[in-house]
Each structure stands twice: as structure tokens, then as C-alpha cells.
Amino acid sequence: MGLTLLIFGLISNTFLAALVGLVGARRRIGFGWTFFLSVLFTPLIGLIICLLSDRLPDGERKWGCLGSILAIITIVLLVFFGLMILGAAAA
């Protein structure tokens, strides 16, 4: 039971951090740093830091290479933890 809650917490925290990162893509801080800060602290703290940064001009987004790398890592972790949950449920 405790492992399942831990895995669910990690997955939901990563998902929320990715959503906050999408908000950061339209800010000077960018997706990558917003995502990193959201994972490091909490998505709420990441959102506050993101909203304190300046907006980019309309239509621009700032992803950077860090954003792509973190997005790939997030997808891999979500799949890995999803398989762990399925394995734990089958046992």
C-alpha cells in the first residue's frame, strides 16, 4: 500500500511539474527551468517562480534543449512507474 502511494505521488508530481513547465514555456524562465524547479521543490513553488518571471512576446515559446531532455525523461519515468504499478497490482 505504501509503495503504491509513493509511486502515485511521484507520477502525479512529475505530471504536475510538466504542466507547470508548459506555463513556463511562455515566460523568460522557459520550460526546462520551470520543470526542474517544480520537480526539485513542488509544482506550486515552481508555478509561483514561473509567474514572477517576465512574459515572452506573443507567439514565442522558450523550450531550450533542457526542456526536450526533461520531457523525454518524464515520459520514460511515467512509463516505468506505470509498469511498476501494474506489476505490483498483479502480485
PDB file of N, CA and C in Angstrom:
ATOM      1  N   MET A   1       0.833  -1.199   0.000  1.00  0.00           N
ATOM      2  CA  MET A   1       0.000   0.000   0.000  1.00  0.00           C
ATOM      3  C   MET A   1       0.871   1.253   0.000  1.00  0.00           C
ATOM      4  N   GLY A   2       1.920   1.275   0.847  1.00  0.00           N
ATOM      5  CA  GLY A   2       2.786   2.441   0.941  1.00  0.00           C
ATOM      6  C   GLY A   2       3.567   2.679  -0.341  1.00  0.00           C
ATOM      7  N   LEU A   3       4.014   1.584  -0.989  1.00  0.00           N
ATOM      8  CA  LEU A   3       4.758   1.714  -2.240  1.00  0.00           C
ATOM      9  C   LEU A   3       3.873   2.272  -3.342  1.00  0.00           C
ATOM     10  N   THR A   4       2.638   1.839  -3.377  1.00  0.00           N
ATOM     11  CA  THR A   4       1.704   2.327  -4.388  1.00  0.00           C
ATOM     12  C   THR A   4       1.456   3.823  -4.221  1.00  0.00           C
ATOM     13  N   LEU A   5       1.313   4.274  -2.983  1.00  0.00           N
ATOM     14  CA  LEU A   5       1.114   5.707  -2.743  1.00  0.00           C
ATOM     15  C   LEU A   5       2.352   6.511  -3.117  1.00  0.00           C
ATOM     16  N   LEU A   6       3.520   5.957  -2.850  1.00  0.00           N
ATOM     17  CA  LEU A   6       4.757   6.633  -3.217  1.00  0.00           C
ATOM     18  C   LEU A   6       4.874   6.765  -4.730  1.00  0.00           C
ATOM     19  N   ILE A   7       4.596   5.693  -5.433  1.00  0.00           N
ATOM     20  CA  ILE A   7       4.672   5.712  -6.897  1.00  0.00           C
ATOM     21  C   ILE A   7       3.638   6.672  -7.464  1.00  0.00           C
ATOM     22  N   PHE A   8       2.415   6.647  -6.936  1.00  0.00           N
ATOM     23  CA  PHE A   8       1.380   7.573  -7.393  1.00  0.00           C
ATOM     24  C   PHE A   8       1.794   9.016  -7.137  1.00  0.00           C
ATOM     25  N   GLY A   9       2.403   9.280  -5.991  1.00  0.00           N
ATOM     26  CA  GLY A   9       2.873  10.624  -5.675  1.00  0.00           C
ATOM     27  C   GLY A   9       3.951  11.097  -6.636  1.00  0.00           C
ATOM     28  N   LEU A  10       4.879  10.217  -6.959  1.00  0.00           N
ATOM     29  CA  LEU A  10       5.940  10.578  -7.900  1.00  0.00           C
ATOM     30  C   LEU A  10       5.390  10.846  -9.293  1.00  0.00           C
ATOM     31  N   ILE A  11       4.467  10.011  -9.729  1.00  0.00           N
ATOM     32  CA  ILE A  11       3.881  10.193 -11.062  1.00  0.00           C
ATOM     33  C   ILE A  11       3.070  11.485 -11.116  1.00  0.00           C
ATOM     34  N   SER A  12       2.238  11.718 -10.110  1.00  0.00           N
ATOM     35  CA  SER A  12       1.405  12.924 -10.134  1.00  0.00           C
ATOM     36  C   SER A  12       2.253  14.182  -9.992  1.00  0.00           C
ATOM     37  N   ASN A  13       3.317  14.131  -9.182  1.00  0.00           N
ATOM     38  CA  ASN A  13       4.198  15.287  -9.042  1.00  0.00           C
ATOM     39  C   ASN A  13       4.905  15.584 -10.364  1.00  0.00           C
ATOM     40  N   THR A  14       5.363  14.559 -11.061  1.00  0.00           N
ATOM     41  CA  THR A  14       6.031  14.747 -12.346  1.00  0.00           C
ATOM     42  C   THR A  14       5.065  15.296 -13.385  1.00  0.00           C
ATOM     43  N   PHE A  15       3.844  14.793 -13.398  1.00  0.00           N
ATOM     44  CA  PHE A  15       2.837  15.271 -14.342  1.00  0.00           C
ATOM     45  C   PHE A  15       2.497  16.740 -14.079  1.00  0.00           C
ATOM     46  N   LEU A  16       2.301  17.091 -12.818  1.00  0.00           N
ATOM     47  CA  LEU A  16       2.005  18.483 -12.482  1.00  0.00           C
ATOM     48  C   LEU A  16       3.189  19.394 -12.800  1.00  0.00           C
ATOM     49  N   ALA A  17       4.407  18.902 -12.576  1.00  0.00           N
ATOM     50  CA  ALA A  17       5.594  19.688 -12.919  1.00  0.00           C
ATOM     51  C   ALA A  17       5.671  19.931 -14.426  1.00  0.00           C
ATOM     52  N   ALA A  18       5.278  18.934 -15.217  1.00  0.00           N
ATOM     53  CA  ALA A  18       5.269  19.117 -16.677  1.00  0.00           C
ATOM     54  C   ALA A  18       4.224  20.153 -17.082  1.00  0.00           C
ATOM     55  N   LEU A  19       3.078  20.157 -16.427  1.00  0.00           N
ATOM     56  CA  LEU A  19       2.057  21.169 -16.722  1.00  0.00           C
ATOM     57  C   LEU A  19       2.539  22.576 -16.362  1.00  0.00           C
ATOM     58  N   VAL A  20       3.203  22.693 -15.229  1.00  0.00           N
ATOM     59  CA  VAL A  20       3.760  23.981 -14.836  1.00  0.00           C
ATOM     60  C   VAL A  20       4.858  24.386 -15.824  1.00  0.00           C
ATOM     61  N   GLY A  21       5.619  23.412 -16.311  1.00  0.00           N
ATOM     62  CA  GLY A  21       6.643  23.687 -17.314  1.00  0.00           C
ATOM     63  C   GLY A  21       6.050  24.251 -18.592  1.00  0.00           C
ATOM     64  N   LEU A  22       4.871  23.781 -18.960  1.00  0.00           N
ATOM     65  CA  LEU A  22       4.204  24.326 -20.148  1.00  0.00           C
ATOM     66  C   LEU A  22       3.833  25.790 -19.955  1.00  0.00           C
ATOM     67  N   VAL A  23       3.452  26.148 -18.736  1.00  0.00           N
ATOM     68  CA  VAL A  23       3.192  27.558 -18.433  1.00  0.00           C
ATOM     69  C   VAL A  23       4.498  28.344 -18.547  1.00  0.00           C
ATOM     70  N   GLY A  24       5.587  27.762 -18.077  1.00  0.00           N
ATOM     71  CA  GLY A  24       6.887  28.427 -18.119  1.00  0.00           C
ATOM     72  C   GLY A  24       7.446  28.591 -19.518  1.00  0.00           C
ATOM     73  N   ALA A  25       6.942  27.817 -20.472  1.00  0.00           N
ATOM     74  CA  ALA A  25       7.431  27.926 -21.849  1.00  0.00           C
ATOM     75  C   ALA A  25       7.093  29.288 -22.450  1.00  0.00           C
ATOM     76  N   ARG A  26       6.117  29.958 -21.923  1.00  0.00           N
ATOM     77  CA  ARG A  26       5.736  31.282 -22.419  1.00  0.00           C
ATOM     78  C   ARG A  26       6.318  32.398 -21.553  1.00  0.00           C
ATOM     79  N   ARG A  27       7.254  32.055 -20.695  1.00  0.00           N
ATOM     80  CA  ARG A  27       7.905  33.029 -19.808  1.00  0.00           C
ATOM     81  C   ARG A  27       9.405  33.042 -20.076  1.00  0.00           C
ATOM     82  N   ARG A  28      10.089  34.031 -19.558  1.00  0.00           N
ATOM     83  CA  ARG A  28      11.545  34.149 -19.738  1.00  0.00           C
ATOM     84  C   ARG A  28      12.286  32.973 -19.109  1.00  0.00           C
ATOM     85  N   ILE A  29      11.755  32.427 -18.056  1.00  0.00           N
ATOM     86  CA  ILE A  29      12.414  31.330 -17.365  1.00  0.00           C
ATOM     87  C   ILE A  29      12.463  30.068 -18.231  1.00  0.00           C
ATOM     88  N   GLY A  30      11.488  29.872 -19.089  1.00  0.00           N
ATOM     89  CA  GLY A  30      11.477  28.736 -20.005  1.00  0.00           C
ATOM     90  C   GLY A  30      10.925  27.464 -19.382  1.00  0.00           C
ATOM     91  N   PHE A  31      10.645  26.486 -20.263  1.00  0.00           N
ATOM     92  CA  PHE A  31      10.079  25.217 -19.825  1.00  0.00           C
ATOM     93  C   PHE A  31      11.033  24.450 -18.926  1.00  0.00           C
ATOM     94  N   GLY A  32      12.281  24.334 -19.354  1.00  0.00           N
ATOM     95  CA  GLY A  32      13.246  23.488 -18.647  1.00  0.00           C
ATOM     96  C   GLY A  32      13.471  23.890 -17.207  1.00  0.00           C
ATOM     97  N   TRP A  33      13.752  25.163 -16.983  1.00  0.00           N
ATOM     98  CA  TRP A  33      13.988  25.609 -15.616  1.00  0.00           C
ATOM     99  C   TRP A  33      12.734  25.538 -14.762  1.00  0.00           C
ATOM    100  N   THR A  34      11.592  25.847 -15.360  1.00  0.00           N
ATOM    101  CA  THR A  34      10.343  25.755 -14.600  1.00  0.00           C
ATOM    102  C   THR A  34      10.073  24.317 -14.195  1.00  0.00           C
ATOM    103  N   PHE A  35      10.275  23.383 -15.123  1.00  0.00           N
ATOM    104  CA  PHE A  35      10.070  21.966 -14.824  1.00  0.00           C
ATOM    105  C   PHE A  35      11.039  21.510 -13.740  1.00  0.00           C
ATOM    106  N   PHE A  36      12.309  21.874 -13.881  1.00  0.00           N
ATOM    107  CA  PHE A  36      13.326  21.477 -12.903  1.00  0.00           C
ATOM    108  C   PHE A  36      12.998  21.990 -11.505  1.00  0.00           C
ATOM    109  N   LEU A  37      12.628  23.263 -11.405  1.00  0.00           N
ATOM    110  CA  LEU A  37      12.291  23.819 -10.101  1.00  0.00           C
ATOM    111  C   LEU A  37      11.024  23.193  -9.520  1.00  0.00           C
ATOM    112  N   SER A  38      10.080  22.838 -10.394  1.00  0.00           N
ATOM    113  CA  SER A  38       8.852  22.195  -9.931  1.00  0.00           C
ATOM    114  C   SER A  38       9.112  20.795  -9.387  1.00  0.00           C
ATOM    115  N   VAL A  39      10.025  20.081 -10.006  1.00  0.00           N
ATOM    116  CA  VAL A  39      10.376  18.741  -9.514  1.00  0.00           C
ATOM    117  C   VAL A  39      11.210  18.853  -8.248  1.00  0.00           C
ATOM    118  N   LEU A  40      12.147  19.805  -8.233  1.00  0.00           N
ATOM    119  CA  LEU A  40      13.040  19.960  -7.090  1.00  0.00           C
ATOM    120  C   LEU A  40      12.282  20.382  -5.833  1.00  0.00           C
ATOM    121  N   PHE A  41      11.402  21.356  -5.960  1.00  0.00           N
ATOM    122  CA  PHE A  41      10.625  21.823  -4.809  1.00  0.00           C
ATOM    123  C   PHE A  41       9.228  21.205  -4.872  1.00  0.00           C
ATOM    124  N   THR A  42       8.246  21.939  -5.330  1.00  0.00           N
ATOM    125  CA  THR A  42       6.901  21.423  -5.572  1.00  0.00           C
ATOM    126  C   THR A  42       6.351  22.147  -6.795  1.00  0.00           C
ATOM    127  N   PRO A  43       5.339  21.586  -7.461  1.00  0.00           N
ATOM    128  CA  PRO A  43       4.758  22.309  -8.594  1.00  0.00           C
ATOM    129  C   PRO A  43       4.197  23.677  -8.212  1.00  0.00           C
ATOM    130  N   LEU A  44       3.710  23.834  -7.000  1.00  0.00           N
ATOM    131  CA  LEU A  44       3.184  25.130  -6.567  1.00  0.00           C
ATOM    132  C   LEU A  44       4.295  26.171  -6.491  1.00  0.00           C
ATOM    133  N   ILE A  45       5.432  25.823  -5.911  1.00  0.00           N
ATOM    134  CA  ILE A  45       6.571  26.740  -5.832  1.00  0.00           C
ATOM    135  C   ILE A  45       7.080  27.048  -7.236  1.00  0.00           C
ATOM    136  N   GLY A  46       7.148  26.020  -8.101  1.00  0.00           N
ATOM    137  CA  GLY A  46       7.568  26.241  -9.477  1.00  0.00           C
ATOM    138  C   GLY A  46       6.640  27.186 -10.219  1.00  0.00           C
ATOM    139  N   LEU A  47       5.342  27.059  -9.969  1.00  0.00           N
ATOM    140  CA  LEU A  47       4.368  27.947 -10.612  1.00  0.00           C
ATOM    141  C   LEU A  47       4.529  29.383 -10.124  1.00  0.00           C
ATOM    142  N   ILE A  48       4.763  29.557  -8.846  1.00  0.00           N
ATOM    143  CA  ILE A  48       4.954  30.904  -8.306  1.00  0.00           C
ATOM    144  C   ILE A  48       6.202  31.544  -8.915  1.00  0.00           C
ATOM    145  N   ILE A  49       7.306  30.794  -8.975  1.00  0.00           N
ATOM    146  CA  ILE A  49       8.535  31.321  -9.575  1.00  0.00           C
ATOM    147  C   ILE A  49       8.313  31.645 -11.043  1.00  0.00           C
ATOM    148  N   CYS A  50       7.597  30.769 -11.727  1.00  0.00           N
ATOM    149  CA  CYS A  50       7.307  30.979 -13.147  1.00  0.00           C
ATOM    150  C   CYS A  50       6.492  32.248 -13.362  1.00  0.00           C
ATOM    151  N   LEU A  51       5.477  32.456 -12.560  1.00  0.00           N
ATOM    152  CA  LEU A  51       4.615  33.621 -12.728  1.00  0.00           C
ATOM    153  C   LEU A  51       5.313  34.922 -12.346  1.00  0.00           C
ATOM    154  N   LEU A  52       6.379  34.833 -11.570  1.00  0.00           N
ATOM    155  CA  LEU A  52       7.141  36.028 -11.224  1.00  0.00           C
ATOM    156  C   LEU A  52       8.076  36.463 -12.350  1.00  0.00           C
ATOM    157  N   SER A  53       8.376  35.570 -13.287  1.00  0.00           N
ATOM    158  CA  SER A  53       9.253  35.937 -14.404  1.00  0.00           C
ATOM    159  C   SER A  53       8.453  36.675 -15.483  1.00  0.00           C
ATOM    160  N   ASP A  54       9.171  37.378 -16.336  1.00  0.00           N
ATOM    161  CA  ASP A  54       8.527  38.176 -17.379  1.00  0.00           C
ATOM    162  C   ASP A  54       7.939  37.294 -18.462  1.00  0.00           C
ATOM    163  N   ARG A  55       6.878  37.789 -19.098  1.00  0.00           N
ATOM    164  CA  ARG A  55       6.262  37.085 -20.223  1.00  0.00           C
ATOM    165  C   ARG A  55       7.079  37.319 -21.479  1.00  0.00           C
ATOM    166  N   LEU A  56       7.046  36.336 -22.385  1.00  0.00           N
ATOM    167  CA  LEU A  56       7.647  36.499 -23.697  1.00  0.00           C
ATOM    168  C   LEU A  56       6.649  37.206 -24.608  1.00  0.00           C
ATOM    169  N   PRO A  57       7.127  37.826 -25.682  1.00  0.00           N
ATOM    170  CA  PRO A  57       6.181  38.421 -26.642  1.00  0.00           C
ATOM    171  C   PRO A  57       5.216  37.363 -27.176  1.00  0.00           C
ATOM    172  N   ASP A  58       4.053  37.795 -27.608  1.00  0.00           N
ATOM    173  CA  ASP A  58       3.015  36.865 -28.075  1.00  0.00           C
ATOM    174  C   ASP A  58       3.543  35.927 -29.148  1.00  0.00           C
ATOM    175  N   GLY A  59       3.189  34.676 -29.019  1.00  0.00           N
ATOM    176  CA  GLY A  59       3.535  33.670 -30.016  1.00  0.00           C
ATOM    177  C   GLY A  59       4.890  33.017 -29.803  1.00  0.00           C
ATOM    178  N   GLU A  60       5.730  33.553 -28.931  1.00  0.00           N
ATOM    179  CA  GLU A  60       7.047  32.954 -28.691  1.00  0.00           C
ATOM    180  C   GLU A  60       6.970  31.966 -27.544  1.00  0.00           C
ATOM    181  N   ARG A  61       7.804  30.928 -27.675  1.00  0.00           N
ATOM    182  CA  ARG A  61       7.955  29.952 -26.595  1.00  0.00           C
ATOM    183  C   ARG A  61       9.429  29.695 -26.395  1.00  0.00           C
ATOM    184  N   LYS A  62       9.795  29.374 -25.181  1.00  0.00           N
ATOM    185  CA  LYS A  62      11.192  29.132 -24.857  1.00  0.00           C
ATOM    186  C   LYS A  62      11.306  27.724 -24.280  1.00  0.00           C
ATOM    187  N   TRP A  63      11.700  26.777 -25.128  1.00  0.00           N
ATOM    188  CA  TRP A  63      11.821  25.389 -24.686  1.00  0.00           C
ATOM    189  C   TRP A  63      13.261  25.080 -24.299  1.00  0.00           C
ATOM    190  N   GLY A  64      14.188  25.364 -25.186  1.00  0.00           N
ATOM    191  CA  GLY A  64      15.585  25.051 -24.920  1.00  0.00           C
ATOM    192  C   GLY A  64      15.836  23.550 -24.964  1.00  0.00           C
ATOM    193  N   CYS A  65      17.100  23.165 -25.002  1.00  0.00           N
ATOM    194  CA  CYS A  65      17.433  21.740 -25.057  1.00  0.00           C
ATOM    195  C   CYS A  65      17.107  21.062 -23.729  1.00  0.00           C
ATOM    196  N   LEU A  66      17.191  21.800 -22.639  1.00  0.00           N
ATOM    197  CA  LEU A  66      16.861  21.234 -21.334  1.00  0.00           C
ATOM    198  C   LEU A  66      15.403  20.798 -21.282  1.00  0.00           C
ATOM    199  N   GLY A  67      14.529  21.552 -21.928  1.00  0.00           N
ATOM    200  CA  GLY A  67      13.114  21.194 -21.971  1.00  0.00           C
ATOM    201  C   GLY A  67      12.881  19.886 -22.687  1.00  0.00           C
ATOM    202  N   SER A  68      13.546  19.676 -23.803  1.00  0.00           N
ATOM    203  CA  SER A  68      13.397  18.429 -24.554  1.00  0.00           C
ATOM    204  C   SER A  68      13.920  17.242 -23.760  1.00  0.00           C
ATOM    205  N   ILE A  69      15.080  17.412 -23.153  1.00  0.00           N
ATOM    206  CA  ILE A  69      15.669  16.321 -22.368  1.00  0.00           C
ATOM    207  C   ILE A  69      14.768  15.962 -21.193  1.00  0.00           C
ATOM    208  N   LEU A  70      14.277  16.957 -20.478  1.00  0.00           N
ATOM    209  CA  LEU A  70      13.410  16.687 -19.332  1.00  0.00           C
ATOM    210  C   LEU A  70      12.076  16.083 -19.752  1.00  0.00           C
ATOM    211  N   ALA A  71      11.566  16.488 -20.899  1.00  0.00           N
ATOM    212  CA  ALA A  71      10.315  15.901 -21.378  1.00  0.00           C
ATOM    213  C   ALA A  71      10.506  14.416 -21.691  1.00  0.00           C
ATOM    214  N   ILE A  72      11.615  14.053 -22.305  1.00  0.00           N
ATOM    215  CA  ILE A  72      11.890  12.642 -22.605  1.00  0.00           C
ATOM    216  C   ILE A  72      12.059  11.845 -21.317  1.00  0.00           C
ATOM    217  N   ILE A  73      12.797  12.393 -20.361  1.00  0.00           N
ATOM    218  CA  ILE A  73      12.980  11.711 -19.075  1.00  0.00           C
ATOM    219  C   ILE A  73      11.642  11.530 -18.372  1.00  0.00           C
ATOM    220  N   THR A  74      10.781  12.529 -18.432  1.00  0.00           N
ATOM    221  CA  THR A  74       9.460  12.437 -17.808  1.00  0.00           C
ATOM    222  C   THR A  74       8.640  11.312 -18.416  1.00  0.00           C
ATOM    223  N   ILE A  75       8.640  11.218 -19.724  1.00  0.00           N
ATOM    224  CA  ILE A  75       7.871  10.167 -20.393  1.00  0.00           C
ATOM    225  C   ILE A  75       8.405   8.795 -20.006  1.00  0.00           C
ATOM    226  N   VAL A  76       9.732   8.648 -19.981  1.00  0.00           N
ATOM    227  CA  VAL A  76      10.331   7.364 -19.604  1.00  0.00           C
ATOM    228  C   VAL A  76       9.968   7.005 -18.170  1.00  0.00           C
ATOM    229  N   LEU A  77      10.032   7.965 -17.265  1.00  0.00           N
ATOM    230  CA  LEU A  77       9.685   7.695 -15.864  1.00  0.00           C
ATOM    231  C   LEU A  77       8.213   7.348 -15.689  1.00  0.00           C
ATOM    232  N   LEU A  78       7.347   8.036 -16.423  1.00  0.00           N
ATOM    233  CA  LEU A  78       5.919   7.713 -16.332  1.00  0.00           C
ATOM    234  C   LEU A  78       5.641   6.292 -16.801  1.00  0.00           C
ATOM    235  N   VAL A  79       6.271   5.887 -17.888  1.00  0.00           N
ATOM    236  CA  VAL A  79       6.094   4.518 -18.377  1.00  0.00           C
ATOM    237  C   VAL A  79       6.661   3.526 -17.370  1.00  0.00           C
ATOM    238  N   PHE A  80       7.851   3.804 -16.836  1.00  0.00           N
ATOM    239  CA  PHE A  80       8.480   2.905 -15.874  1.00  0.00           C
ATOM    240  C   PHE A  80       7.625   2.730 -14.619  1.00  0.00           C
ATOM    241  N   PHE A  81       7.163   3.848 -14.051  1.00  0.00           N
ATOM    242  CA  PHE A  81       6.347   3.749 -12.846  1.00  0.00           C
ATOM    243  C   PHE A  81       4.987   3.129 -13.137  1.00  0.00           C
ATOM    244  N   GLY A  82       4.449   3.371 -14.312  1.00  0.00           N
ATOM    245  CA  GLY A  82       3.195   2.728 -14.695  1.00  0.00           C
ATOM    246  C   GLY A  82       3.340   1.227 -14.753  1.00  0.00           C
ATOM    247  N   LEU A  83       4.457   0.757 -15.316  1.00  0.00           N
ATOM    248  CA  LEU A  83       4.712  -0.686 -15.355  1.00  0.00           C
ATOM    249  C   LEU A  83       4.944  -1.250 -13.965  1.00  0.00           C
ATOM    250  N   MET A  84       5.567  -0.468 -13.094  1.00  0.00           N
ATOM    251  CA  MET A  84       5.762  -0.925 -11.713  1.00  0.00           C
ATOM    252  C   MET A  84       4.424  -1.076 -10.994  1.00  0.00           C
ATOM    253  N   ILE A  85       3.515  -0.146 -11.243  1.00  0.00           N
ATOM    254  CA  ILE A  85       2.195  -0.233 -10.610  1.00  0.00           C
ATOM    255  C   ILE A  85       1.445  -1.454 -11.120  1.00  0.00           C
ATOM    256  N   LEU A  86       1.515  -1.697 -12.432  1.00  0.00           N
ATOM    257  CA  LEU A  86       0.855  -2.872 -12.982  1.00  0.00           C
ATOM    258  C   LEU A  86       1.456  -4.157 -12.427  1.00  0.00           C
ATOM    259  N   GLY A  87       2.777  -4.181 -12.270  1.00  0.00           N
ATOM    260  CA  GLY A  87       3.442  -5.353 -11.700  1.00  0.00           C
ATOM    261  C   GLY A  87       3.077  -5.566 -10.247  1.00  0.00           C
ATOM    262  N   ALA A  88       2.975  -4.487  -9.483  1.00  0.00           N
ATOM    263  CA  ALA A  88       2.617  -4.594  -8.069  1.00  0.00           C
ATOM    264  C   ALA A  88       1.151  -5.025  -7.921  1.00  0.00           C
ATOM    265  N   ALA A  89       0.294  -4.575  -8.848  1.00  0.00           N
ATOM    266  CA  ALA A  89      -1.120  -4.947  -8.778  1.00  0.00           C
ATOM    267  C   ALA A  89      -1.315  -6.424  -9.122  1.00  0.00           C
ATOM    268  N   ALA A  90      -0.467  -6.939 -10.016  1.00  0.00           N
ATOM    269  CA  ALA A  90      -0.603  -8.344 -10.424  1.00  0.00           C
ATOM    270  C   ALA A  90      -0.088  -9.289  -9.342  1.00  0.00           C
ATOM    271  N   ALA A  91       0.826  -8.817  -8.491  1.00  0.00           N
ATOM    272  CA  ALA A  91       1.423  -9.692  -7.461  1.00  0.00           C
ATOM    273  C   ALA A  91       0.538  -9.884  -6.282  1.00  0.00           C
TER     274      ALA A  91
END
